Amino acid sequence: MNIIVTYDIVSNKRINEVSEYLKSCGFFRLQKSVFYGKIDNETYNNIKYELENMINLDVDSIYIFDICNKDINNLVYKSSNIEKRFINNEFLLI
């Protein structure tokens, strides 16, 4: 599964906790509050559960998008400061 996670979190402590957790699961940061990862169904379910428990549902929000391979391959990419590289039909931002 190609997953994009984006969040709007009030607390810097929770922001750091969420971003470090996503990186530990193999996600790459696309923007400050947007991550991309390719994961299996079990990891997807674990991430949904863990993220819900990391945030304050009264003031924070997290969106998780499952993106199909066709849409990943048709990605439109514009940036002046990040290099796009292709690895096995996937993208990695450095």
N, C-alpha and C. Protein backbone atom coordinates (compact mmCIF):
# COMPACT_ATOMS: atom_id res chain seq x y z
N MET A 1 0.84 -1.18 0.00
CA MET A 1 0.00 0.00 0.00
C MET A 1 0.89 1.24 0.00
N ASN A 2 0.55 2.20 -0.84
CA ASN A 2 1.20 3.51 -0.84
C ASN A 2 0.37 4.42 0.05
N ILE A 3 0.98 4.92 1.11
CA ILE A 3 0.23 5.70 2.09
C ILE A 3 0.82 7.10 2.20
N ILE A 4 -0.05 8.08 2.19
CA ILE A 4 0.34 9.45 2.52
C ILE A 4 -0.38 9.84 3.80
N VAL A 5 0.40 10.31 4.76
CA VAL A 5 -0.13 10.76 6.05
C VAL A 5 0.14 12.24 6.17
N THR A 6 -0.89 12.98 6.49
CA THR A 6 -0.75 14.41 6.74
C THR A 6 -1.42 14.74 8.06
N TYR A 7 -0.88 15.72 8.75
CA TYR A 7 -1.44 16.03 10.07
C TYR A 7 -1.40 17.52 10.36
N ASP A 8 -2.27 17.91 11.27
CA ASP A 8 -2.30 19.25 11.83
C ASP A 8 -2.38 19.05 13.34
N ILE A 9 -1.26 19.23 14.01
CA ILE A 9 -1.15 18.93 15.43
C ILE A 9 -0.71 20.19 16.16
N VAL A 10 -1.36 20.48 17.28
CA VAL A 10 -1.12 21.71 18.02
C VAL A 10 0.18 21.66 18.82
N SER A 11 0.45 20.57 19.49
CA SER A 11 1.58 20.46 20.41
C SER A 11 2.86 20.03 19.69
N ASN A 12 3.95 20.77 19.91
CA ASN A 12 5.24 20.40 19.33
C ASN A 12 5.70 19.02 19.81
N LYS A 13 5.41 18.69 21.05
CA LYS A 13 5.77 17.38 21.58
C LYS A 13 5.07 16.28 20.78
N ARG A 14 3.77 16.44 20.52
CA ARG A 14 3.03 15.43 19.75
C ARG A 14 3.48 15.41 18.29
N ILE A 15 3.81 16.57 17.73
CA ILE A 15 4.32 16.62 16.35
C ILE A 15 5.59 15.78 16.26
N ASN A 16 6.52 15.98 17.18
CA ASN A 16 7.76 15.22 17.17
C ASN A 16 7.52 13.73 17.36
N GLU A 17 6.60 13.39 18.25
CA GLU A 17 6.28 11.98 18.50
C GLU A 17 5.72 11.32 17.24
N VAL A 18 4.80 12.00 16.57
CA VAL A 18 4.19 11.45 15.36
C VAL A 18 5.22 11.34 14.23
N SER A 19 6.01 12.39 14.01
CA SER A 19 6.98 12.34 12.91
C SER A 19 8.05 11.28 13.16
N GLU A 20 8.53 11.15 14.38
CA GLU A 20 9.53 10.11 14.68
C GLU A 20 8.93 8.72 14.53
N TYR A 21 7.69 8.56 14.93
CA TYR A 21 7.02 7.26 14.77
C TYR A 21 6.90 6.90 13.29
N LEU A 22 6.45 7.85 12.47
CA LEU A 22 6.30 7.57 11.04
C LEU A 22 7.64 7.23 10.40
N LYS A 23 8.69 7.97 10.76
CA LYS A 23 10.03 7.65 10.23
C LYS A 23 10.46 6.26 10.66
N SER A 24 10.15 5.87 11.90
CA SER A 24 10.53 4.54 12.38
C SER A 24 9.78 3.43 11.64
N CYS A 25 8.65 3.78 11.03
CA CYS A 25 7.86 2.82 10.24
C CYS A 25 8.29 2.82 8.77
N GLY A 26 9.33 3.59 8.42
CA GLY A 26 9.83 3.62 7.06
C GLY A 26 9.25 4.71 6.19
N PHE A 27 8.53 5.67 6.77
CA PHE A 27 7.96 6.77 5.99
C PHE A 27 9.03 7.82 5.70
N PHE A 28 8.86 8.52 4.58
CA PHE A 28 9.72 9.63 4.19
C PHE A 28 8.93 10.92 4.29
N ARG A 29 9.58 11.95 4.79
CA ARG A 29 8.93 13.25 4.90
C ARG A 29 8.88 13.91 3.52
N LEU A 30 7.68 14.28 3.08
CA LEU A 30 7.50 15.02 1.84
C LEU A 30 7.47 16.52 2.09
N GLN A 31 6.80 16.89 3.16
CA GLN A 31 6.75 18.28 3.64
C GLN A 31 6.75 18.20 5.15
N LYS A 32 6.71 19.34 5.82
CA LYS A 32 6.82 19.32 7.28
C LYS A 32 5.78 18.43 7.95
N SER A 33 4.57 18.40 7.44
CA SER A 33 3.53 17.59 8.09
C SER A 33 2.92 16.58 7.11
N VAL A 34 3.71 16.14 6.13
CA VAL A 34 3.23 15.17 5.14
C VAL A 34 4.30 14.10 4.96
N PHE A 35 3.88 12.83 5.09
CA PHE A 35 4.79 11.70 4.97
C PHE A 35 4.26 10.70 3.95
N TYR A 36 5.20 9.99 3.30
CA TYR A 36 4.86 8.92 2.36
C TYR A 36 5.54 7.64 2.81
N GLY A 37 4.80 6.53 2.70
CA GLY A 37 5.38 5.23 2.99
C GLY A 37 4.70 4.13 2.20
N LYS A 38 5.44 3.08 1.94
CA LYS A 38 4.89 1.89 1.28
C LYS A 38 4.88 0.80 2.35
N ILE A 39 3.69 0.37 2.73
CA ILE A 39 3.56 -0.56 3.86
C ILE A 39 2.55 -1.65 3.53
N ASP A 40 2.53 -2.68 4.39
CA ASP A 40 1.55 -3.76 4.22
C ASP A 40 0.31 -3.48 5.06
N ASN A 41 -0.71 -4.32 4.90
CA ASN A 41 -2.00 -4.10 5.59
C ASN A 41 -1.86 -4.13 7.10
N GLU A 42 -1.05 -5.03 7.62
CA GLU A 42 -0.90 -5.13 9.07
C GLU A 42 -0.27 -3.85 9.63
N THR A 43 0.77 -3.36 8.96
CA THR A 43 1.41 -2.11 9.40
C THR A 43 0.44 -0.95 9.30
N TYR A 44 -0.36 -0.94 8.24
CA TYR A 44 -1.37 0.11 8.07
C TYR A 44 -2.33 0.15 9.27
N ASN A 45 -2.82 -1.01 9.66
CA ASN A 45 -3.74 -1.07 10.80
C ASN A 45 -3.06 -0.64 12.09
N ASN A 46 -1.80 -1.05 12.28
CA ASN A 46 -1.06 -0.64 13.47
C ASN A 46 -0.84 0.87 13.50
N ILE A 47 -0.50 1.44 12.35
CA ILE A 47 -0.26 2.88 12.28
C ILE A 47 -1.53 3.66 12.60
N LYS A 48 -2.65 3.23 12.05
CA LYS A 48 -3.92 3.92 12.35
C LYS A 48 -4.17 3.92 13.86
N TYR A 49 -3.98 2.77 14.48
CA TYR A 49 -4.22 2.65 15.92
C TYR A 49 -3.24 3.52 16.72
N GLU A 50 -1.96 3.43 16.41
CA GLU A 50 -0.94 4.18 17.15
C GLU A 50 -1.11 5.68 16.99
N LEU A 51 -1.37 6.14 15.78
CA LEU A 51 -1.52 7.58 15.57
C LEU A 51 -2.73 8.14 16.30
N GLU A 52 -3.82 7.40 16.32
CA GLU A 52 -5.00 7.86 17.03
C GLU A 52 -4.71 8.03 18.52
N ASN A 53 -3.85 7.18 19.05
CA ASN A 53 -3.52 7.26 20.48
C ASN A 53 -2.45 8.30 20.79
N MET A 54 -1.77 8.81 19.77
CA MET A 54 -0.73 9.82 19.98
C MET A 54 -1.27 11.24 19.99
N ILE A 55 -2.42 11.46 19.39
CA ILE A 55 -2.91 12.83 19.23
C ILE A 55 -4.04 13.13 20.20
N ASN A 56 -4.35 14.40 20.30
CA ASN A 56 -5.50 14.87 21.07
C ASN A 56 -6.63 15.10 20.07
N LEU A 57 -7.61 14.23 20.06
CA LEU A 57 -8.68 14.30 19.07
C LEU A 57 -9.54 15.57 19.17
N ASP A 58 -9.42 16.28 20.28
CA ASP A 58 -10.18 17.52 20.44
C ASP A 58 -9.58 18.68 19.64
N VAL A 59 -8.25 18.63 19.41
CA VAL A 59 -7.60 19.77 18.75
C VAL A 59 -6.71 19.39 17.57
N ASP A 60 -6.36 18.11 17.42
CA ASP A 60 -5.46 17.66 16.37
C ASP A 60 -6.22 16.90 15.29
N SER A 61 -5.59 16.77 14.12
CA SER A 61 -6.18 15.94 13.07
C SER A 61 -5.07 15.23 12.29
N ILE A 62 -5.39 14.02 11.86
CA ILE A 62 -4.50 13.23 11.01
C ILE A 62 -5.34 12.66 9.89
N TYR A 63 -4.82 12.76 8.65
CA TYR A 63 -5.47 12.16 7.49
C TYR A 63 -4.52 11.12 6.91
N ILE A 64 -5.06 9.95 6.59
CA ILE A 64 -4.29 8.86 6.01
C ILE A 64 -4.92 8.52 4.67
N PHE A 65 -4.13 8.63 3.60
CA PHE A 65 -4.62 8.36 2.25
C PHE A 65 -3.91 7.15 1.68
N ASP A 66 -4.68 6.19 1.18
CA ASP A 66 -4.15 5.03 0.47
C ASP A 66 -4.14 5.40 -1.01
N ILE A 67 -2.96 5.50 -1.61
CA ILE A 67 -2.80 5.95 -2.99
C ILE A 67 -2.41 4.77 -3.87
N CYS A 68 -3.14 4.55 -4.95
CA CYS A 68 -2.84 3.42 -5.83
C CYS A 68 -1.55 3.66 -6.61
N ASN A 69 -0.94 2.57 -7.11
CA ASN A 69 0.31 2.67 -7.86
C ASN A 69 0.19 3.57 -9.08
N LYS A 70 -0.95 3.50 -9.76
CA LYS A 70 -1.16 4.34 -10.95
C LYS A 70 -1.03 5.82 -10.58
N ASP A 71 -1.66 6.22 -9.47
CA ASP A 71 -1.59 7.62 -9.07
C ASP A 71 -0.20 8.00 -8.59
N ILE A 72 0.50 7.10 -7.92
CA ILE A 72 1.87 7.38 -7.51
C ILE A 72 2.74 7.59 -8.74
N ASN A 73 2.56 6.75 -9.75
CA ASN A 73 3.36 6.87 -10.98
C ASN A 73 3.03 8.12 -11.76
N ASN A 74 1.84 8.69 -11.57
CA ASN A 74 1.43 9.91 -12.26
C ASN A 74 1.63 11.16 -11.41
N LEU A 75 2.43 11.03 -10.39
CA LEU A 75 2.69 12.13 -9.48
C LEU A 75 3.21 13.35 -10.22
N VAL A 76 2.61 14.48 -9.98
CA VAL A 76 3.10 15.75 -10.51
C VAL A 76 3.92 16.37 -9.39
N TYR A 77 5.15 16.69 -9.69
CA TYR A 77 6.09 17.11 -8.67
C TYR A 77 6.74 18.43 -9.06
N LYS A 78 6.63 19.41 -8.22
CA LYS A 78 7.27 20.71 -8.44
C LYS A 78 7.92 21.16 -7.13
N SER A 79 9.20 21.43 -7.17
CA SER A 79 9.87 21.95 -5.98
C SER A 79 11.21 22.53 -6.38
N SER A 80 11.64 23.54 -5.68
CA SER A 80 12.94 24.14 -5.97
C SER A 80 14.03 23.62 -5.04
N ASN A 81 13.65 22.90 -3.98
CA ASN A 81 14.66 22.53 -3.00
C ASN A 81 14.72 21.04 -2.67
N ILE A 82 13.95 20.21 -3.34
CA ILE A 82 13.99 18.77 -3.07
C ILE A 82 14.20 18.04 -4.38
N GLU A 83 15.08 17.07 -4.35
CA GLU A 83 15.39 16.30 -5.54
C GLU A 83 14.50 15.05 -5.58
N LYS A 84 13.98 14.75 -6.74
CA LYS A 84 13.13 13.57 -6.90
C LYS A 84 13.94 12.47 -7.60
N ARG A 85 13.95 11.31 -7.03
CA ARG A 85 14.63 10.17 -7.62
C ARG A 85 13.67 9.00 -7.69
N PHE A 86 13.78 8.21 -8.75
CA PHE A 86 12.93 7.04 -8.90
C PHE A 86 13.70 5.79 -8.54
N ILE A 87 13.10 4.94 -7.73
CA ILE A 87 13.68 3.66 -7.37
C ILE A 87 12.58 2.62 -7.51
N ASN A 88 12.71 1.73 -8.51
CA ASN A 88 11.71 0.68 -8.74
C ASN A 88 10.29 1.23 -8.82
N ASN A 89 10.09 2.25 -9.64
CA ASN A 89 8.78 2.87 -9.86
C ASN A 89 8.21 3.55 -8.60
N GLU A 90 9.04 3.77 -7.61
CA GLU A 90 8.63 4.52 -6.42
C GLU A 90 9.44 5.79 -6.38
N PHE A 91 9.01 6.75 -5.61
CA PHE A 91 9.79 7.98 -5.52
C PHE A 91 10.36 8.11 -4.12
N LEU A 92 11.52 8.71 -4.08
CA LEU A 92 12.18 9.00 -2.83
C LEU A 92 12.61 10.45 -2.87
N LEU A 93 12.22 11.21 -1.89
CA LEU A 93 12.60 12.62 -1.85
C LEU A 93 13.78 12.79 -0.92
N ILE A 94 14.80 13.50 -1.39
CA ILE A 94 16.01 13.68 -0.61
C ILE A 94 16.24 15.17 -0.39
